[in-house]
């Protein structure tokens, strides 16, 4: 069996690199690859799998020319990859789902408490809605231990009644700028926006305007629309708490993410469907 060939765009924690080296050769560049270099790597035919970060963009043009078997994202999100184009070109994409849930929830609560006058997290009434802008029934079986403790409502009601509006959605065409000027205007003047999801879910320019005018009371953010840049004026506001996208930044979480990422990459390089595929239909295409 031919040894697999991996290109890792940015060093990731152990046990990932050990797992990859056990399955084949691993190239990690000294500098972050720019778009041109990433394209060179993908079309060269020198690599089976690219182990990527959210900053690495794989658009339709690149994927049409790519000579790789798979992309293993070191992230739960995968909005940096054109999934339709990857599938059309039989390129599998893997991610690391489930690993960040607890850590991200902790950061969301930290931001809620950091923007409150006191730790109101205790005794809060919790409302939720399924991923907007749509809705669907949510049975008690899906809620598990939270059945009877949280209240299902619709997106519009959530926006207009919440004291803390906390976002937990992936980034896609439906959720980009989910929170725009209209949503911000519909929120309570005393409300606080919490975003630990993806930056472009919020129209950051509109958010700055709403915070400056007092349209909403404050915001707690761990993600930004154009990371690492911030919308002009955001950092100067006194009614924000801004974290540097550290929701997953614990040793145990990053190590588990790295393990899942490496296992996905090894499987794809060995022409197997990965444990956590984003587009399993690419396997059959």
Protein backbone atom coordinates (compact mmCIF):
# COMPACT_ATOMS: atom_id res chain seq x y z
CA UNK A 1 0.00 0.00 0.00
CA UNK A 2 1.30 3.44 -0.93
CA UNK A 3 2.06 5.71 1.99
CA UNK A 4 -0.39 8.58 2.40
CA UNK A 5 0.71 12.19 1.88
CA UNK A 6 -0.63 14.96 4.11
CA UNK A 7 -0.28 18.73 3.93
CA UNK A 8 -1.04 20.42 7.25
CA UNK A 9 -1.53 24.14 6.69
CA UNK A 10 -0.87 25.05 10.34
CA UNK A 11 0.64 22.88 13.12
CA UNK A 12 -2.06 21.27 15.26
CA UNK A 13 -1.73 19.62 18.69
CA UNK A 14 -0.88 16.05 19.45
CA UNK A 15 -1.88 13.34 19.00
CA UNK A 16 -2.68 14.53 15.45
CA UNK A 17 0.78 14.75 13.93
CA UNK A 18 1.84 11.41 15.41
CA UNK A 19 -1.26 9.76 13.95
CA UNK A 20 -0.63 11.33 10.56
CA UNK A 21 3.05 10.38 10.51
CA UNK A 22 2.08 6.82 11.40
CA UNK A 23 0.04 6.68 8.20
CA UNK A 24 2.33 8.56 5.83
CA UNK A 25 4.42 11.63 5.17
CA UNK A 26 3.48 15.00 6.67
CA UNK A 27 4.44 18.43 5.36
CA UNK A 28 3.89 21.45 7.63
CA UNK A 29 4.98 24.77 6.08
CA UNK A 30 7.12 27.23 8.00
CA UNK A 31 4.71 30.02 7.05
CA UNK A 32 0.93 30.08 6.68
CA UNK A 33 0.08 29.37 3.05
CA UNK A 34 -1.65 32.19 1.21
CA UNK A 35 -4.37 31.52 -1.35
CA UNK A 36 -1.90 31.06 -4.20
CA UNK A 37 0.22 28.59 -2.25
CA UNK A 38 -2.83 26.64 -1.09
CA UNK A 39 -3.92 26.30 -4.70
CA UNK A 40 -0.45 25.06 -5.69
CA UNK A 41 -0.63 22.41 -2.99
CA UNK A 42 -4.09 21.23 -4.00
CA UNK A 43 -3.44 20.98 -7.74
CA UNK A 44 0.09 19.59 -7.52
CA UNK A 45 -0.91 15.97 -7.12
CA UNK A 46 1.68 15.69 -4.34
CA UNK A 47 -0.83 15.26 -1.51
CA UNK A 48 -3.78 13.02 -0.71
CA UNK A 49 -5.34 15.14 2.03
CA UNK A 50 -5.06 18.74 3.18
CA UNK A 51 -5.51 19.28 6.93
CA UNK A 52 -6.94 22.77 7.07
CA UNK A 53 -8.12 25.59 9.31
CA UNK A 54 -11.12 27.90 8.91
CA UNK A 55 -8.79 30.55 7.48
CA UNK A 56 -8.00 28.28 4.49
CA UNK A 57 -10.52 28.91 1.69
CA UNK A 58 -11.43 26.19 -0.79
CA UNK A 59 -13.65 27.76 -3.44
CA UNK A 60 -15.26 26.13 -6.47
CA UNK A 61 -12.46 27.16 -8.83
CA UNK A 62 -9.77 25.64 -6.62
CA UNK A 63 -11.74 22.45 -6.01
CA UNK A 64 -12.38 21.92 -9.73
CA UNK A 65 -8.64 21.85 -10.32
CA UNK A 66 -7.62 20.05 -7.12
CA UNK A 67 -5.98 16.62 -7.18
CA UNK A 68 -6.66 15.63 -3.60
CA UNK A 69 -8.89 13.01 -1.99
CA UNK A 70 -10.02 15.02 0.97
CA UNK A 71 -9.97 18.09 3.19
CA UNK A 72 -9.90 17.52 6.95
CA UNK A 73 -10.95 20.72 8.71
CA UNK A 74 -9.53 21.31 12.18
CA UNK A 75 -12.85 22.84 13.21
CA UNK A 76 -16.51 22.08 13.70
CA UNK A 77 -17.38 24.68 11.08
CA UNK A 78 -16.75 24.18 7.38
CA UNK A 79 -17.92 27.43 5.81
CA UNK A 80 -14.41 27.83 4.35
CA UNK A 81 -15.15 24.99 1.90
CA UNK A 82 -17.58 25.07 -1.01
CA UNK A 83 -19.21 21.76 -0.07
CA UNK A 84 -21.21 21.47 -3.29
CA UNK A 85 -18.08 21.89 -5.39
CA UNK A 86 -16.14 19.45 -3.22
CA UNK A 87 -18.86 16.83 -3.64
CA UNK A 88 -19.07 17.41 -7.40
CA UNK A 89 -15.34 16.77 -7.62
CA UNK A 90 -15.45 13.68 -5.35
CA UNK A 91 -13.48 15.39 -2.60
CA UNK A 92 -14.52 14.31 0.88
CA UNK A 93 -14.63 16.92 3.65
CA UNK A 94 -14.33 16.09 7.35
CA UNK A 95 -14.84 18.16 10.49
CA UNK A 96 -14.72 17.71 14.28
CA UNK A 97 -18.33 17.81 15.51
CA UNK A 98 -19.46 17.62 19.12
CA UNK A 99 -16.09 18.39 20.66
CA UNK A 100 -16.67 22.10 21.30
CA UNK A 101 -20.14 21.96 22.82
CA UNK A 102 -19.25 22.23 26.50
CA UNK A 103 -16.38 24.68 26.04
CA UNK A 104 -18.45 26.99 23.86
CA UNK A 105 -21.36 26.84 26.31
CA UNK A 106 -18.96 27.85 29.08
CA UNK A 107 -17.76 30.85 27.06
CA UNK A 108 -21.34 31.87 26.26
CA UNK A 109 -22.18 31.86 29.98
CA UNK A 110 -18.98 33.77 30.73
CA UNK A 111 -20.02 36.45 28.25
CA UNK A 112 -23.53 36.59 29.68
CA UNK A 113 -22.22 37.07 33.20
CA UNK A 114 -19.49 39.47 32.05
CA UNK A 115 -22.10 41.79 30.49
CA UNK A 116 -24.58 41.62 33.37
CA UNK A 117 -24.70 43.87 36.48
CA UNK A 118 -24.77 40.64 38.50
CA UNK A 119 -24.59 36.92 37.76
CA UNK A 120 -28.13 36.61 36.42
CA UNK A 121 -27.36 33.19 34.93
CA UNK A 122 -28.78 31.60 38.07
CA UNK A 123 -32.52 31.24 37.84
CA UNK A 124 -32.76 32.51 34.28
CA UNK A 125 -35.75 31.51 32.17
CA UNK A 126 -34.38 29.84 29.04
CA UNK A 127 -36.17 30.18 25.71
CA UNK A 128 -34.92 28.59 22.50
CA UNK A 129 -35.84 28.21 18.87
CA UNK A 130 -34.51 25.79 16.25
CA UNK A 131 -32.19 27.19 13.67
CA UNK A 132 -33.82 30.30 12.20
CA UNK A 133 -35.25 31.56 9.97
CA UNK A 134 -37.26 28.31 9.90
CA UNK A 135 -38.83 26.36 12.76
CA UNK A 136 -39.72 22.75 13.53
CA UNK A 137 -41.19 20.65 16.35
CA UNK A 138 -38.67 19.68 19.04
CA UNK A 139 -39.80 16.59 21.00
CA UNK A 140 -38.88 16.00 24.63
CA UNK A 141 -36.73 13.07 23.55
CA UNK A 142 -34.46 15.47 21.68
CA UNK A 143 -34.30 17.87 24.63
CA UNK A 144 -33.32 15.05 26.98
CA UNK A 145 -32.56 16.29 30.50
CA UNK A 146 -33.71 19.79 29.51
CA UNK A 147 -37.27 18.71 28.72
CA UNK A 148 -39.69 20.80 30.79
CA UNK A 149 -36.92 23.23 31.77
CA UNK A 150 -36.64 25.22 28.54
CA UNK A 151 -39.37 26.79 26.42
CA UNK A 152 -39.65 26.43 22.64
CA UNK A 153 -40.59 29.64 20.86
CA UNK A 154 -40.20 31.13 17.40
CA UNK A 155 -37.33 33.32 16.22
CA UNK A 156 -39.29 36.57 16.18
CA UNK A 157 -40.49 36.04 19.75
CA UNK A 158 -36.99 35.12 20.85
CA UNK A 159 -35.64 38.34 19.36
CA UNK A 160 -38.28 40.64 20.85
CA UNK A 161 -38.51 39.14 24.35
CA UNK A 162 -34.99 38.01 25.26
CA UNK A 163 -32.83 39.85 27.74
CA UNK A 164 -29.85 37.89 26.40
CA UNK A 165 -29.97 36.71 22.78
CA UNK A 166 -27.31 33.99 22.42
CA UNK A 167 -26.47 32.65 18.94
CA UNK A 168 -25.52 29.01 18.31
CA UNK A 169 -25.95 28.41 14.59
CA UNK A 170 -23.59 27.38 11.77
CA UNK A 171 -22.70 29.87 9.07
CA UNK A 172 -24.49 29.29 5.78
CA UNK A 173 -26.48 31.26 3.23
CA UNK A 174 -29.53 31.32 5.51
CA UNK A 175 -27.71 32.45 8.65
CA UNK A 176 -25.30 35.04 7.20
CA UNK A 177 -26.35 38.36 8.76
CA UNK A 178 -29.12 36.56 10.60
CA UNK A 179 -28.81 39.40 13.10
CA UNK A 180 -29.03 42.50 10.96
CA UNK A 181 -30.19 46.06 11.56
CA UNK A 182 -33.83 44.97 11.58
CA UNK A 183 -33.29 42.29 14.21
CA UNK A 184 -31.25 44.66 16.36
CA UNK A 185 -34.01 47.26 16.16
CA UNK A 186 -36.56 44.64 17.27
CA UNK A 187 -34.58 43.67 20.38
CA UNK A 188 -35.26 45.21 23.78
CA UNK A 189 -33.24 48.37 24.48
CA UNK A 190 -32.04 46.55 27.59
CA UNK A 191 -31.06 43.39 25.68
CA UNK A 192 -27.55 42.01 25.23
CA UNK A 193 -26.37 40.06 22.19
CA UNK A 194 -24.06 37.06 22.72
CA UNK A 195 -22.26 35.49 19.75
CA UNK A 196 -20.07 32.38 20.11
CA UNK A 197 -21.14 30.94 16.73
CA UNK A 198 -19.60 32.53 13.63
CA UNK A 199 -18.84 36.21 13.12
CA UNK A 200 -20.75 36.77 9.85
CA UNK A 201 -23.97 35.59 11.53
CA UNK A 202 -24.07 39.19 12.79
CA UNK A 203 -23.91 42.31 10.64
CA UNK A 204 -21.07 43.82 12.66
CA UNK A 205 -21.41 47.32 11.19
CA UNK A 206 -25.09 47.36 12.13
CA UNK A 207 -24.18 46.06 15.58
CA UNK A 208 -21.73 48.92 16.17
CA UNK A 209 -24.43 51.40 15.18
CA UNK A 210 -26.97 49.75 17.51
CA UNK A 211 -24.53 49.76 20.41
CA UNK A 212 -23.57 53.40 19.85
CA UNK A 213 -27.18 54.57 19.68
CA UNK A 214 -28.35 52.55 22.66
CA UNK A 215 -30.69 50.50 20.49
CA UNK A 216 -29.44 47.51 22.50
CA UNK A 217 -27.61 47.62 25.81
CA UNK A 218 -24.51 45.60 25.03
CA UNK A 219 -22.80 42.68 23.32
CA UNK A 220 -20.49 39.84 24.28
CA UNK A 221 -18.55 38.44 21.32
CA UNK A 222 -16.06 35.62 20.81
CA UNK A 223 -16.24 35.72 16.99
CA UNK A 224 -16.11 38.51 14.43
CA UNK A 225 -17.30 39.09 10.89
CA UNK A 226 -13.87 39.65 9.34
CA UNK A 227 -11.46 38.05 11.80
CA UNK A 228 -8.98 39.15 12.94
CA UNK A 229 -10.18 42.62 11.94
CA UNK A 230 -13.00 44.29 13.85
CA UNK A 231 -15.67 46.59 12.46
CA UNK A 232 -14.61 50.22 12.93
CA UNK A 233 -15.58 51.50 16.36
CA UNK A 234 -16.31 48.11 17.94
CA UNK A 235 -13.23 47.95 20.14
CA UNK A 236 -13.79 51.47 21.46
CA UNK A 237 -17.29 50.80 22.80
CA UNK A 238 -17.72 50.60 26.55
CA UNK A 239 -20.78 48.33 26.37
CA UNK A 240 -19.04 45.29 24.88
CA UNK A 241 -16.99 42.33 26.13
CA UNK A 242 -14.72 41.05 23.35
CA UNK A 243 -12.86 37.72 23.48
CA UNK A 244 -10.23 36.60 20.91
CA UNK A 245 -12.15 33.55 19.55
CA UNK A 246 -11.06 31.26 22.37
CA UNK A 247 -14.23 29.20 22.80
CA UNK A 248 -12.36 25.96 22.14
CA UNK A 249 -9.08 26.98 23.75
CA UNK A 250 -8.67 24.27 26.35
CA UNK A 251 -5.92 21.67 26.17
CA UNK A 252 -8.34 18.74 26.28
CA UNK A 253 -10.70 20.15 23.64
CA UNK A 254 -7.94 21.09 21.20
CA UNK A 255 -6.30 17.66 21.62
CA UNK A 256 -9.57 15.87 20.93
CA UNK A 257 -10.24 18.09 17.92
CA UNK A 258 -6.77 17.26 16.63
CA UNK A 259 -7.37 13.52 17.08
CA UNK A 260 -10.67 13.60 15.19
CA UNK A 261 -9.13 15.74 12.47
CA UNK A 262 -6.23 13.31 12.02
CA UNK A 263 -8.51 10.28 11.98
CA UNK A 264 -10.60 11.92 9.26
CA UNK A 265 -7.48 12.69 7.24
CA UNK A 266 -6.04 9.19 7.54
CA UNK A 267 -9.31 7.58 6.49
CA UNK A 268 -9.63 9.81 3.42
CA UNK A 269 -6.01 9.23 2.42
CA UNK A 270 -6.60 5.47 2.65
CA UNK A 271 -9.69 5.76 0.45
CA UNK A 272 -12.09 5.15 3.32
CA UNK A 273 -15.04 7.28 4.34
CA UNK A 274 -13.95 9.36 7.36
CA UNK A 275 -15.53 9.00 10.82
CA UNK A 276 -16.99 12.51 10.60
CA UNK A 277 -17.83 13.36 6.98
CA UNK A 278 -19.50 16.62 6.05
CA UNK A 279 -20.41 15.38 2.56
CA UNK A 280 -20.64 11.58 2.61
CA UNK A 281 -22.33 11.72 -0.80
CA UNK A 282 -18.90 12.56 -2.29
CA UNK A 283 -17.93 8.96 -1.47
CA UNK A 284 -20.41 7.67 -4.05
CA UNK A 285 -19.78 10.36 -6.63
